Amino acid sequence: VVAVTCLLVAVPSSPFFSVEFLAFAQFLGGACGYCSQFVCVPYLVSVFENELVGAFLTGDAASSVIAALIALIQEPASKPPRFGLAAYVSMAGLPIVLCSIMAFVHIERTQAGRLPEESSRRLIEGEEQQSNIKPYYLEPLTWKLGLVVFWSQFADWGVGDSVYPYACANANDHRVESCEMWSNELSLAAQLVGCAVASRIALNADRLTATLWVPVTIYTGWFALLLVTSWRYEDAPRLDERGVLVDLFVLRGLGPYARAVVPRLIQPCYDRRHHEALPVFFGVLAVLGNVSGSLVATGLIGARQFGS
């Protein structure tokens, strides 16, 4: 609420309109967004059906798509836009917040999707005695899944967010703004598709090749393509505008898909006593991946490694 209020008062004619004030509002909004990984996801993994973790992440992506569609109607870059910031927040924010509160109240009242108290679901054969259960950080699967989370955040939002404008510039110097706008819109749509698929796909903890490792490998290849086509050297390969959009759509679909699959694997692969701690562990790795990717991209941009 504070972040939205800051945006509402930081209009060009206001004394609050400054880069620092907008950065403060962005920091507040981003911090609240990341809280979902550390508060909501552990709660869902601990007490709700496995598929509902994916449903929660899909709803998060859907809200971003709704906000982007309203922004397309608003045309904020036009002078003047079709409607102001207050109207935009009223249409894009208030209905989603109210629906979220109503859904929360309904779930708490009806206990919809809640696991039985005695339930301890596993897809790995053979139950271990409580005394023989290893800490989650000693499980090889934990570090494999952690690497997926770190890498997807590092490449997708850390580096990818910083370098895709250079791929757009290399594709067409005269349509950079259009390419960037559609890249953002398609990225949100791809995120929704990726999370929706991850919420419905059947998972088998013993057979993750097709459901996780192959998508991550494809994701890595498409990220390399984005990186190379953003490079500033003349002999570097280039994509046209449509190619850049396809590249980003694939990246922004497979990255969120992989990140949505990981928390769904916590219930079937780990003992219940780890269900609250693991989402926090993966959330920390996601933040580290995002920050380190942004730092690497900032260093490369500063060294003028990207551009036409």
C-alpha atoms as a PDB file:
ATOM      1  CA  VAL A   1       0.000   0.000   0.000  1.00  0.00           C
ATOM      2  CA  VAL A   2       2.849   2.390   0.853  1.00  0.00           C
ATOM      3  CA  ALA A   3       4.575   1.626  -2.463  1.00  0.00           C
ATOM      4  CA  VAL A   4       1.394   2.303  -4.446  1.00  0.00           C
ATOM      5  CA  THR A   5       0.819   5.533  -2.506  1.00  0.00           C
ATOM      6  CA  CYS A   6       4.365   6.649  -3.346  1.00  0.00           C
ATOM      7  CA  LEU A   7       3.696   6.073  -7.033  1.00  0.00           C
ATOM      8  CA  LEU A   8       0.431   7.982  -6.867  1.00  0.00           C
ATOM      9  CA  VAL A   9       2.059  11.080  -5.340  1.00  0.00           C
ATOM     10  CA  ALA A  10       5.213  10.958  -7.492  1.00  0.00           C
ATOM     11  CA  VAL A  11       3.650  12.646 -10.516  1.00  0.00           C
ATOM     12  CA  PRO A  12       5.776  15.036 -12.634  1.00  0.00           C
ATOM     13  CA  SER A  13       4.236  18.144 -11.060  1.00  0.00           C
ATOM     14  CA  SER A  14       4.801  16.876  -7.516  1.00  0.00           C
ATOM     15  CA  PRO A  15       7.813  17.783  -5.332  1.00  0.00           C
ATOM     16  CA  PHE A  16       8.191  14.057  -4.710  1.00  0.00           C
ATOM     17  CA  PHE A  17       8.905  13.350  -8.385  1.00  0.00           C
ATOM     18  CA  SER A  18      12.532  12.209  -8.486  1.00  0.00           C
ATOM     19  CA  VAL A  19      14.598   9.187  -9.408  1.00  0.00           C
ATOM     20  CA  GLU A  20      15.362   8.524  -5.750  1.00  0.00           C
ATOM     21  CA  PHE A  21      11.706   8.593  -4.694  1.00  0.00           C
ATOM     22  CA  LEU A  22      10.666   6.304  -7.552  1.00  0.00           C
ATOM     23  CA  ALA A  23      13.532   3.936  -6.678  1.00  0.00           C
ATOM     24  CA  PHE A  24      12.273   3.885  -3.080  1.00  0.00           C
ATOM     25  CA  ALA A  25       8.756   2.972  -4.247  1.00  0.00           C
ATOM     26  CA  GLN A  26      10.173   0.280  -6.518  1.00  0.00           C
ATOM     27  CA  PHE A  27      12.221  -1.122  -3.625  1.00  0.00           C
ATOM     28  CA  LEU A  28       9.154  -1.345  -1.398  1.00  0.00           C
ATOM     29  CA  GLY A  29       7.078  -3.018  -4.089  1.00  0.00           C
ATOM     30  CA  GLY A  30       9.814  -5.500  -4.968  1.00  0.00           C
ATOM     31  CA  ALA A  31      10.443  -6.353  -1.316  1.00  0.00           C
ATOM     32  CA  CYS A  32       6.756  -7.098  -0.769  1.00  0.00           C
ATOM     33  CA  GLY A  33       6.691  -9.218  -3.928  1.00  0.00           C
ATOM     34  CA  TYR A  34       9.597 -11.343  -2.775  1.00  0.00           C
ATOM     35  CA  CYS A  35       7.898 -11.851   0.591  1.00  0.00           C
ATOM     36  CA  SER A  36       5.567 -14.317  -1.156  1.00  0.00           C
ATOM     37  CA  GLN A  37       8.503 -16.698  -1.577  1.00  0.00           C
ATOM     38  CA  PHE A  38       9.327 -16.514   2.124  1.00  0.00           C
ATOM     39  CA  VAL A  39       5.805 -16.401   3.598  1.00  0.00           C
ATOM     40  CA  CYS A  40       3.132 -17.737   1.246  1.00  0.00           C
ATOM     41  CA  VAL A  41       5.007 -20.567  -0.478  1.00  0.00           C
ATOM     42  CA  PRO A  42       6.229 -22.246   2.763  1.00  0.00           C
ATOM     43  CA  TYR A  43       2.679 -22.051   4.089  1.00  0.00           C
ATOM     44  CA  LEU A  44       1.246 -23.600   0.926  1.00  0.00           C
ATOM     45  CA  VAL A  45       3.856 -26.362   0.728  1.00  0.00           C
ATOM     46  CA  SER A  46       3.313 -27.260   4.384  1.00  0.00           C
ATOM     47  CA  VAL A  47      -0.462 -27.580   4.554  1.00  0.00           C
ATOM     48  CA  PHE A  48      -2.014 -27.631   1.061  1.00  0.00           C
ATOM     49  CA  GLU A  49      -2.288 -29.965  -1.911  1.00  0.00           C
ATOM     50  CA  ASN A  50       0.777 -29.992  -4.130  1.00  0.00           C
ATOM     51  CA  GLU A  51      -1.006 -28.599  -7.202  1.00  0.00           C
ATOM     52  CA  LEU A  52      -2.088 -25.478  -5.299  1.00  0.00           C
ATOM     53  CA  VAL A  53       1.506 -24.262  -5.099  1.00  0.00           C
ATOM     54  CA  GLY A  54       1.480 -24.063  -8.879  1.00  0.00           C
ATOM     55  CA  ALA A  55      -1.977 -22.457  -8.807  1.00  0.00           C
ATOM     56  CA  PHE A  56      -0.685 -19.717  -6.508  1.00  0.00           C
ATOM     57  CA  LEU A  57       2.268 -18.951  -8.809  1.00  0.00           C
ATOM     58  CA  THR A  58      -0.040 -19.003 -11.841  1.00  0.00           C
ATOM     59  CA  GLY A  59      -2.341 -16.471 -10.192  1.00  0.00           C
ATOM     60  CA  ASP A  60       0.655 -14.265  -9.466  1.00  0.00           C
ATOM     61  CA  ALA A  61       1.618 -14.350 -13.154  1.00  0.00           C
ATOM     62  CA  ALA A  62      -1.994 -13.724 -14.235  1.00  0.00           C
ATOM     63  CA  SER A  63      -2.176 -10.545 -12.161  1.00  0.00           C
ATOM     64  CA  SER A  64       0.897  -9.231 -13.992  1.00  0.00           C
ATOM     65  CA  VAL A  65      -0.729  -9.954 -17.353  1.00  0.00           C
ATOM     66  CA  ILE A  66      -3.914  -8.120 -16.311  1.00  0.00           C
ATOM     67  CA  ALA A  67      -1.882  -5.074 -15.240  1.00  0.00           C
ATOM     68  CA  ALA A  68       0.024  -5.124 -18.543  1.00  0.00           C
ATOM     69  CA  LEU A  69      -3.178  -5.318 -20.609  1.00  0.00           C
ATOM     70  CA  ILE A  70      -4.630  -2.327 -18.776  1.00  0.00           C
ATOM     71  CA  ALA A  71      -1.368  -0.459 -19.379  1.00  0.00           C
ATOM     72  CA  LEU A  72      -1.697  -1.176 -23.112  1.00  0.00           C
ATOM     73  CA  ILE A  73      -5.157   0.369 -23.049  1.00  0.00           C
ATOM     74  CA  GLN A  74      -3.886   3.322 -21.021  1.00  0.00           C
ATOM     75  CA  GLU A  75      -0.967   4.048 -23.407  1.00  0.00           C
ATOM     76  CA  PRO A  76       1.112   5.779 -20.703  1.00  0.00           C
ATOM     77  CA  ALA A  77       3.743   6.977 -23.209  1.00  0.00           C
ATOM     78  CA  SER A  78       1.187   8.996 -25.169  1.00  0.00           C
ATOM     79  CA  LYS A  79       0.560  12.656 -24.376  1.00  0.00           C
ATOM     80  CA  PRO A  80      -1.814  12.684 -22.671  1.00  0.00           C
ATOM     81  CA  PRO A  81      -2.512   9.026 -21.723  1.00  0.00           C
ATOM     82  CA  ARG A  82      -6.078   7.800 -21.911  1.00  0.00           C
ATOM     83  CA  PHE A  83      -6.369   7.874 -18.119  1.00  0.00           C
ATOM     84  CA  GLY A  84      -4.149   8.735 -15.177  1.00  0.00           C
ATOM     85  CA  LEU A  85      -2.208   6.718 -12.641  1.00  0.00           C
ATOM     86  CA  ALA A  86      -4.967   6.787 -10.026  1.00  0.00           C
ATOM     87  CA  ALA A  87      -7.446   5.282 -12.498  1.00  0.00           C
ATOM     88  CA  TYR A  88      -4.873   2.694 -13.547  1.00  0.00           C
ATOM     89  CA  VAL A  89      -4.259   1.574  -9.959  1.00  0.00           C
ATOM     90  CA  SER A  90      -8.012   1.451  -9.333  1.00  0.00           C
ATOM     91  CA  MET A  91      -8.550  -0.848 -12.329  1.00  0.00           C
ATOM     92  CA  ALA A  92      -5.394  -2.959 -12.105  1.00  0.00           C
ATOM     93  CA  GLY A  93      -4.804  -3.128  -8.366  1.00  0.00           C
ATOM     94  CA  LEU A  94      -7.981  -2.840  -6.302  1.00  0.00           C
ATOM     95  CA  PRO A  95      -9.982  -5.662  -7.997  1.00  0.00           C
ATOM     96  CA  ILE A  96      -7.045  -8.072  -7.663  1.00  0.00           C
ATOM     97  CA  VAL A  97      -6.518  -7.191  -3.993  1.00  0.00           C
ATOM     98  CA  LEU A  98     -10.225  -7.578  -3.201  1.00  0.00           C
ATOM     99  CA  CYS A  99     -10.444 -10.901  -5.056  1.00  0.00           C
ATOM    100  CA  SER A 100      -7.345 -12.136  -3.217  1.00  0.00           C
ATOM    101  CA  ILE A 101      -8.866 -11.296   0.159  1.00  0.00           C
ATOM    102  CA  MET A 102     -12.133 -13.011  -0.775  1.00  0.00           C
ATOM    103  CA  ALA A 103     -10.271 -16.109  -1.966  1.00  0.00           C
ATOM    104  CA  PHE A 104      -8.221 -16.221   1.241  1.00  0.00           C
ATOM    105  CA  VAL A 105     -11.342 -15.982   3.423  1.00  0.00           C
ATOM    106  CA  HIS A 106     -13.068 -18.716   1.388  1.00  0.00           C
ATOM    107  CA  ILE A 107     -10.064 -21.058   1.647  1.00  0.00           C
ATOM    108  CA  GLU A 108      -9.715 -20.533   5.388  1.00  0.00           C
ATOM    109  CA  ARG A 109     -13.424 -21.115   6.000  1.00  0.00           C
ATOM    110  CA  THR A 110     -13.880 -24.166   3.804  1.00  0.00           C
ATOM    111  CA  GLN A 111     -10.372 -25.631   4.278  1.00  0.00           C
ATOM    112  CA  ALA A 112     -10.323 -26.191   0.516  1.00  0.00           C
ATOM    113  CA  GLY A 113      -7.263 -28.078  -0.677  1.00  0.00           C
ATOM    114  CA  ARG A 114      -5.815 -28.546   2.807  1.00  0.00           C
ATOM    115  CA  LEU A 115      -3.870 -31.739   3.443  1.00  0.00           C
ATOM    116  CA  PRO A 116      -5.026 -34.119   6.180  1.00  0.00           C
ATOM    117  CA  GLU A 117      -3.007 -33.562   9.332  1.00  0.00           C
ATOM    118  CA  GLU A 118      -1.636 -37.098   9.292  1.00  0.00           C
ATOM    119  CA  SER A 119      -0.728 -36.994   5.613  1.00  0.00           C
ATOM    120  CA  SER A 120       2.909 -37.366   4.646  1.00  0.00           C
ATOM    121  CA  ARG A 121       3.018 -37.770   0.881  1.00  0.00           C
ATOM    122  CA  ARG A 122       6.088 -39.032  -0.925  1.00  0.00           C
ATOM    123  CA  LEU A 123       6.685 -40.244  -4.473  1.00  0.00           C
ATOM    124  CA  ILE A 124      10.037 -41.791  -3.588  1.00  0.00           C
ATOM    125  CA  GLU A 125       9.567 -45.418  -2.622  1.00  0.00           C
ATOM    126  CA  GLY A 126      10.509 -46.504   0.858  1.00  0.00           C
ATOM    127  CA  GLU A 127       9.723 -44.486   3.964  1.00  0.00           C
ATOM    128  CA  GLU A 128      12.628 -43.689   6.237  1.00  0.00           C
ATOM    129  CA  GLN A 129      12.482 -43.687   9.985  1.00  0.00           C
ATOM    130  CA  GLN A 130      12.421 -40.228  11.509  1.00  0.00           C
ATOM    131  CA  SER A 131      15.863 -40.747  13.079  1.00  0.00           C
ATOM    132  CA  ASN A 132      17.363 -41.667   9.684  1.00  0.00           C
ATOM    133  CA  ILE A 133      16.108 -38.596   7.805  1.00  0.00           C
ATOM    134  CA  LYS A 134      19.021 -36.519   6.600  1.00  0.00           C
ATOM    135  CA  PRO A 135      19.035 -32.708   6.708  1.00  0.00           C
ATOM    136  CA  TYR A 136      17.810 -31.297   3.417  1.00  0.00           C
ATOM    137  CA  TYR A 137      21.157 -29.643   2.697  1.00  0.00           C
ATOM    138  CA  LEU A 138      22.821 -33.084   2.621  1.00  0.00           C
ATOM    139  CA  GLU A 139      20.478 -34.309  -0.115  1.00  0.00           C
ATOM    140  CA  PRO A 140      22.061 -34.080  -3.618  1.00  0.00           C
ATOM    141  CA  LEU A 141      18.638 -33.223  -5.068  1.00  0.00           C
ATOM    142  CA  THR A 142      18.505 -30.064  -2.925  1.00  0.00           C
ATOM    143  CA  TRP A 143      21.581 -28.603  -4.594  1.00  0.00           C
ATOM    144  CA  LYS A 144      20.418 -29.667  -8.048  1.00  0.00           C
ATOM    145  CA  LEU A 145      17.099 -27.904  -7.542  1.00  0.00           C
ATOM    146  CA  GLY A 146      18.874 -24.963  -5.917  1.00  0.00           C
ATOM    147  CA  LEU A 147      21.100 -24.621  -8.961  1.00  0.00           C
ATOM    148  CA  VAL A 148      18.008 -24.579 -11.195  1.00  0.00           C
ATOM    149  CA  VAL A 149      16.485 -21.760  -9.123  1.00  0.00           C
ATOM    150  CA  PHE A 150      19.721 -19.752  -8.999  1.00  0.00           C
ATOM    151  CA  TRP A 151      20.483 -20.171 -12.700  1.00  0.00           C
ATOM    152  CA  SER A 152      16.969 -19.364 -13.885  1.00  0.00           C
ATOM    153  CA  GLN A 153      16.925 -16.153 -11.838  1.00  0.00           C
ATOM    154  CA  PHE A 154      20.489 -15.237 -12.822  1.00  0.00           C
ATOM    155  CA  ALA A 155      19.926 -15.670 -16.547  1.00  0.00           C
ATOM    156  CA  ASP A 156      16.286 -14.654 -16.871  1.00  0.00           C
ATOM    157  CA  TRP A 157      15.706 -11.659 -14.602  1.00  0.00           C
ATOM    158  CA  GLY A 158      19.287 -10.808 -13.618  1.00  0.00           C
ATOM    159  CA  VAL A 159      21.138 -10.691 -16.938  1.00  0.00           C
ATOM    160  CA  GLY A 160      18.237 -11.046 -19.375  1.00  0.00           C
ATOM    161  CA  ASP A 161      16.324  -8.019 -18.100  1.00  0.00           C
ATOM    162  CA  SER A 162      19.422  -5.857 -18.575  1.00  0.00           C
ATOM    163  CA  VAL A 163      20.577  -6.994 -22.016  1.00  0.00           C
ATOM    164  CA  TYR A 164      17.415  -7.585 -24.057  1.00  0.00           C
ATOM    165  CA  PRO A 165      17.142  -3.873 -25.032  1.00  0.00           C
ATOM    166  CA  TYR A 166      20.512  -4.266 -26.767  1.00  0.00           C
ATOM    167  CA  ALA A 167      19.183  -7.265 -28.715  1.00  0.00           C
ATOM    168  CA  CYS A 168      16.248  -5.063 -29.751  1.00  0.00           C
ATOM    169  CA  ALA A 169      18.624  -2.275 -30.805  1.00  0.00           C
ATOM    170  CA  ASN A 170      20.736  -4.692 -32.823  1.00  0.00           C
ATOM    171  CA  ALA A 171      17.611  -6.081 -34.489  1.00  0.00           C
ATOM    172  CA  ASN A 172      16.210  -2.724 -35.626  1.00  0.00           C
ATOM    173  CA  ASP A 173      17.574   0.679 -34.625  1.00  0.00           C
ATOM    174  CA  HIS A 174      14.362   2.413 -35.704  1.00  0.00           C
ATOM    175  CA  ARG A 175      11.880   0.299 -33.704  1.00  0.00           C
ATOM    176  CA  VAL A 176      13.666  -0.145 -30.374  1.00  0.00           C
ATOM    177  CA  GLU A 177      10.791   1.179 -28.255  1.00  0.00           C
ATOM    178  CA  SER A 178       8.269  -1.058 -30.006  1.00  0.00           C
ATOM    179  CA  CYS A 179      10.516  -4.094 -29.593  1.00  0.00           C
ATOM    180  CA  GLU A 180      11.054  -3.355 -25.897  1.00  0.00           C
ATOM    181  CA  MET A 181       7.337  -2.818 -25.276  1.00  0.00           C
ATOM    182  CA  TRP A 182       6.299  -6.079 -26.923  1.00  0.00           C
ATOM    183  CA  SER A 183       9.175  -7.877 -25.205  1.00  0.00           C
ATOM    184  CA  ASN A 184       7.752  -6.831 -21.847  1.00  0.00           C
ATOM    185  CA  GLU A 185       4.188  -7.784 -22.759  1.00  0.00           C
ATOM    186  CA  LEU A 186       5.132 -11.165 -24.219  1.00  0.00           C
ATOM    187  CA  SER A 187       7.407 -11.854 -21.252  1.00  0.00           C
ATOM    188  CA  LEU A 188       4.459 -11.568 -18.875  1.00  0.00           C
ATOM    189  CA  ALA A 189       2.293 -13.771 -21.097  1.00  0.00           C
ATOM    190  CA  ALA A 190       5.079 -16.350 -21.309  1.00  0.00           C
ATOM    191  CA  GLN A 191       5.462 -16.324 -17.533  1.00  0.00           C
ATOM    192  CA  LEU A 192       1.752 -17.072 -17.187  1.00  0.00           C
ATOM    193  CA  VAL A 193       1.986 -19.958 -19.673  1.00  0.00           C
ATOM    194  CA  GLY A 194       5.055 -21.409 -17.943  1.00  0.00           C
ATOM    195  CA  CYS A 195       3.505 -21.294 -14.469  1.00  0.00           C
ATOM    196  CA  ALA A 196       0.191 -22.702 -15.726  1.00  0.00           C
ATOM    197  CA  VAL A 197       1.918 -25.673 -17.367  1.00  0.00           C
ATOM    198  CA  ALA A 198       4.021 -26.284 -14.255  1.00  0.00           C
ATOM    199  CA  SER A 199       0.902 -26.292 -12.077  1.00  0.00           C
ATOM    200  CA  ARG A 200      -0.794 -29.004 -14.136  1.00  0.00           C
ATOM    201  CA  ILE A 201       2.040 -31.277 -15.190  1.00  0.00           C
ATOM    202  CA  ALA A 202       2.310 -34.663 -13.476  1.00  0.00           C
ATOM    203  CA  LEU A 203       5.571 -34.912 -11.540  1.00  0.00           C
ATOM    204  CA  ASN A 204       7.535 -38.031 -10.728  1.00  0.00           C
ATOM    205  CA  ALA A 205      10.512 -37.410  -8.477  1.00  0.00           C
ATOM    206  CA  ASP A 206      12.373 -40.365  -9.995  1.00  0.00           C
ATOM    207  CA  ARG A 207      11.885 -39.174 -13.590  1.00  0.00           C
ATOM    208  CA  LEU A 208      12.741 -35.497 -13.837  1.00  0.00           C
ATOM    209  CA  THR A 209      14.567 -35.621 -17.164  1.00  0.00           C
ATOM    210  CA  ALA A 210      11.614 -34.636 -19.328  1.00  0.00           C
ATOM    211  CA  THR A 211       9.866 -32.403 -16.800  1.00  0.00           C
ATOM    212  CA  LEU A 212      12.855 -30.391 -15.514  1.00  0.00           C
ATOM    213  CA  TRP A 213      16.329 -31.116 -16.858  1.00  0.00           C
ATOM    214  CA  VAL A 214      15.481 -30.944 -20.571  1.00  0.00           C
ATOM    215  CA  PRO A 215      13.524 -27.658 -20.218  1.00  0.00           C
ATOM    216  CA  VAL A 216      16.414 -26.139 -18.229  1.00  0.00           C
ATOM    217  CA  THR A 217      18.882 -27.225 -20.927  1.00  0.00           C
ATOM    218  CA  ILE A 218      16.732 -25.661 -23.668  1.00  0.00           C
ATOM    219  CA  TYR A 219      16.390 -22.538 -21.526  1.00  0.00           C
ATOM    220  CA  THR A 220      20.183 -22.274 -21.254  1.00  0.00           C
ATOM    221  CA  GLY A 221      20.573 -22.479 -25.028  1.00  0.00           C
ATOM    222  CA  TRP A 222      18.032 -19.713 -25.638  1.00  0.00           C
ATOM    223  CA  PHE A 223      19.720 -17.541 -23.020  1.00  0.00           C
ATOM    224  CA  ALA A 224      23.039 -17.986 -24.813  1.00  0.00           C
ATOM    225  CA  LEU A 225      21.330 -16.900 -28.047  1.00  0.00           C
ATOM    226  CA  LEU A 226      20.013 -13.726 -26.376  1.00  0.00           C
ATOM    227  CA  LEU A 227      23.455 -12.975 -24.952  1.00  0.00           C
ATOM    228  CA  VAL A 228      25.263 -13.434 -28.259  1.00  0.00           C
ATOM    229  CA  THR A 229      22.770 -11.366 -30.245  1.00  0.00           C
ATOM    230  CA  SER A 230      23.092  -8.535 -27.699  1.00  0.00           C
ATOM    231  CA  TRP A 231      26.863  -8.394 -28.155  1.00  0.00           C
ATOM    232  CA  ARG A 232      28.295  -5.208 -29.624  1.00  0.00           C
ATOM    233  CA  TYR A 233      30.830  -6.703 -32.045  1.00  0.00           C
ATOM    234  CA  GLU A 234      30.081  -6.429 -35.757  1.00  0.00           C
ATOM    235  CA  ASP A 235      30.656 -10.100 -36.527  1.00  0.00           C
ATOM    236  CA  ALA A 236      28.253 -11.208 -33.782  1.00  0.00           C
ATOM    237  CA  PRO A 237      25.052 -12.837 -35.100  1.00  0.00           C
ATOM    238  CA  ARG A 238      21.856 -10.802 -35.049  1.00  0.00           C
ATOM    239  CA  LEU A 239      18.158 -11.584 -34.721  1.00  0.00           C
ATOM    240  CA  ASP A 240      15.389  -9.593 -36.326  1.00  0.00           C
ATOM    241  CA  GLU A 241      12.697  -8.103 -34.091  1.00  0.00           C
ATOM    242  CA  ARG A 242      10.472 -11.169 -34.348  1.00  0.00           C
ATOM    243  CA  GLY A 243      13.409 -13.382 -33.429  1.00  0.00           C
ATOM    244  CA  VAL A 244      14.113 -11.322 -30.301  1.00  0.00           C
ATOM    245  CA  LEU A 245      10.475 -11.613 -29.249  1.00  0.00           C
ATOM    246  CA  VAL A 246      10.461 -15.373 -29.772  1.00  0.00           C
ATOM    247  CA  ASP A 247      13.733 -15.697 -27.843  1.00  0.00           C
ATOM    248  CA  LEU A 248      12.356 -13.770 -24.879  1.00  0.00           C
ATOM    249  CA  PHE A 249       9.040 -15.640 -24.963  1.00  0.00           C
ATOM    250  CA  VAL A 250      10.858 -18.972 -24.701  1.00  0.00           C
ATOM    251  CA  LEU A 251      13.142 -17.674 -21.942  1.00  0.00           C
ATOM    252  CA  ARG A 252      10.317 -16.135 -19.930  1.00  0.00           C
ATOM    253  CA  GLY A 253       8.249 -19.278 -20.338  1.00  0.00           C
ATOM    254  CA  LEU A 254      10.833 -21.914 -19.407  1.00  0.00           C
ATOM    255  CA  GLY A 255      12.428 -19.912 -16.576  1.00  0.00           C
ATOM    256  CA  PRO A 256       9.221 -19.460 -14.538  1.00  0.00           C
ATOM    257  CA  TYR A 257       8.205 -23.015 -15.487  1.00  0.00           C
ATOM    258  CA  ALA A 258      11.364 -24.420 -13.872  1.00  0.00           C
ATOM    259  CA  ARG A 259      10.998 -22.207 -10.802  1.00  0.00           C
ATOM    260  CA  ALA A 260       7.365 -23.314 -10.394  1.00  0.00           C
ATOM    261  CA  VAL A 261       8.264 -26.997 -10.700  1.00  0.00           C
ATOM    262  CA  VAL A 262      10.875 -26.801  -7.916  1.00  0.00           C
ATOM    263  CA  PRO A 263       8.502 -25.976  -5.009  1.00  0.00           C
ATOM    264  CA  ARG A 264       6.076 -28.627  -6.244  1.00  0.00           C
ATOM    265  CA  LEU A 265       8.847 -31.208  -5.781  1.00  0.00           C
ATOM    266  CA  ILE A 266       9.260 -30.418  -2.089  1.00  0.00           C
ATOM    267  CA  GLN A 267       6.227 -32.415  -0.911  1.00  0.00           C
ATOM    268  CA  PRO A 268       6.947 -35.653  -2.788  1.00  0.00           C
ATOM    269  CA  CYS A 269      10.723 -35.598  -2.315  1.00  0.00           C
ATOM    270  CA  TYR A 270      11.262 -34.466   1.274  1.00  0.00           C
ATOM    271  CA  ASP A 271      10.036 -35.243   4.744  1.00  0.00           C
ATOM    272  CA  ARG A 272       7.365 -32.915   6.115  1.00  0.00           C
ATOM    273  CA  ARG A 273       9.701 -31.366   8.659  1.00  0.00           C
ATOM    274  CA  HIS A 274      11.614 -29.773   5.745  1.00  0.00           C
ATOM    275  CA  HIS A 275       8.555 -28.345   3.985  1.00  0.00           C
ATOM    276  CA  GLU A 276       8.754 -24.915   5.584  1.00  0.00           C
ATOM    277  CA  ALA A 277      12.521 -24.474   5.420  1.00  0.00           C
ATOM    278  CA  LEU A 278      13.097 -25.497   1.797  1.00  0.00           C
ATOM    279  CA  PRO A 279      10.982 -22.758   0.126  1.00  0.00           C
ATOM    280  CA  VAL A 280      12.927 -20.190   2.151  1.00  0.00           C
ATOM    281  CA  PHE A 281      16.218 -21.795   1.117  1.00  0.00           C
ATOM    282  CA  PHE A 282      15.228 -21.739  -2.554  1.00  0.00           C
ATOM    283  CA  GLY A 283      13.926 -18.194  -2.148  1.00  0.00           C
ATOM    284  CA  VAL A 284      17.299 -17.015  -0.870  1.00  0.00           C
ATOM    285  CA  LEU A 285      19.015 -18.656  -3.843  1.00  0.00           C
ATOM    286  CA  ALA A 286      16.538 -16.923  -6.178  1.00  0.00           C
ATOM    287  CA  VAL A 287      17.363 -13.509  -4.702  1.00  0.00           C
ATOM    288  CA  LEU A 288      21.089 -14.213  -4.904  1.00  0.00           C
ATOM    289  CA  GLY A 289      20.724 -15.270  -8.539  1.00  0.00           C
ATOM    290  CA  ASN A 290      18.766 -12.155  -9.405  1.00  0.00           C
ATOM    291  CA  VAL A 291      21.175  -9.764  -7.670  1.00  0.00           C
ATOM    292  CA  SER A 292      24.342 -11.443  -8.966  1.00  0.00           C
ATOM    293  CA  GLY A 293      22.954 -11.516 -12.514  1.00  0.00           C
ATOM    294  CA  SER A 294      22.133  -7.816 -12.327  1.00  0.00           C
ATOM    295  CA  LEU A 295      25.643  -7.046 -11.046  1.00  0.00           C
ATOM    296  CA  VAL A 296      27.273  -9.073 -13.829  1.00  0.00           C
ATOM    297  CA  ALA A 297      25.102  -7.408 -16.467  1.00  0.00           C
ATOM    298  CA  THR A 298      25.829  -3.954 -15.025  1.00  0.00           C
ATOM    299  CA  GLY A 299      29.560  -4.657 -15.187  1.00  0.00           C
ATOM    300  CA  LEU A 300      29.382  -5.839 -18.792  1.00  0.00           C
ATOM    301  CA  ILE A 301      27.246  -2.873 -19.811  1.00  0.00           C
ATOM    302  CA  GLY A 302      29.683  -0.530 -18.088  1.00  0.00           C
ATOM    303  CA  ALA A 303      32.509  -2.137 -20.044  1.00  0.00           C
ATOM    304  CA  ARG A 304      30.492  -1.496 -23.234  1.00  0.00           C
ATOM    305  CA  GLN A 305      30.233  -5.154 -24.160  1.00  0.00           C
ATOM    306  CA  PHE A 306      26.665  -4.820 -25.457  1.00  0.00           C
ATOM    307  CA  GLY A 307      25.089  -2.707 -28.147  1.00  0.00           C
ATOM    308  CA  SER A 308      25.244  -2.138 -31.848  1.00  0.00           C
END
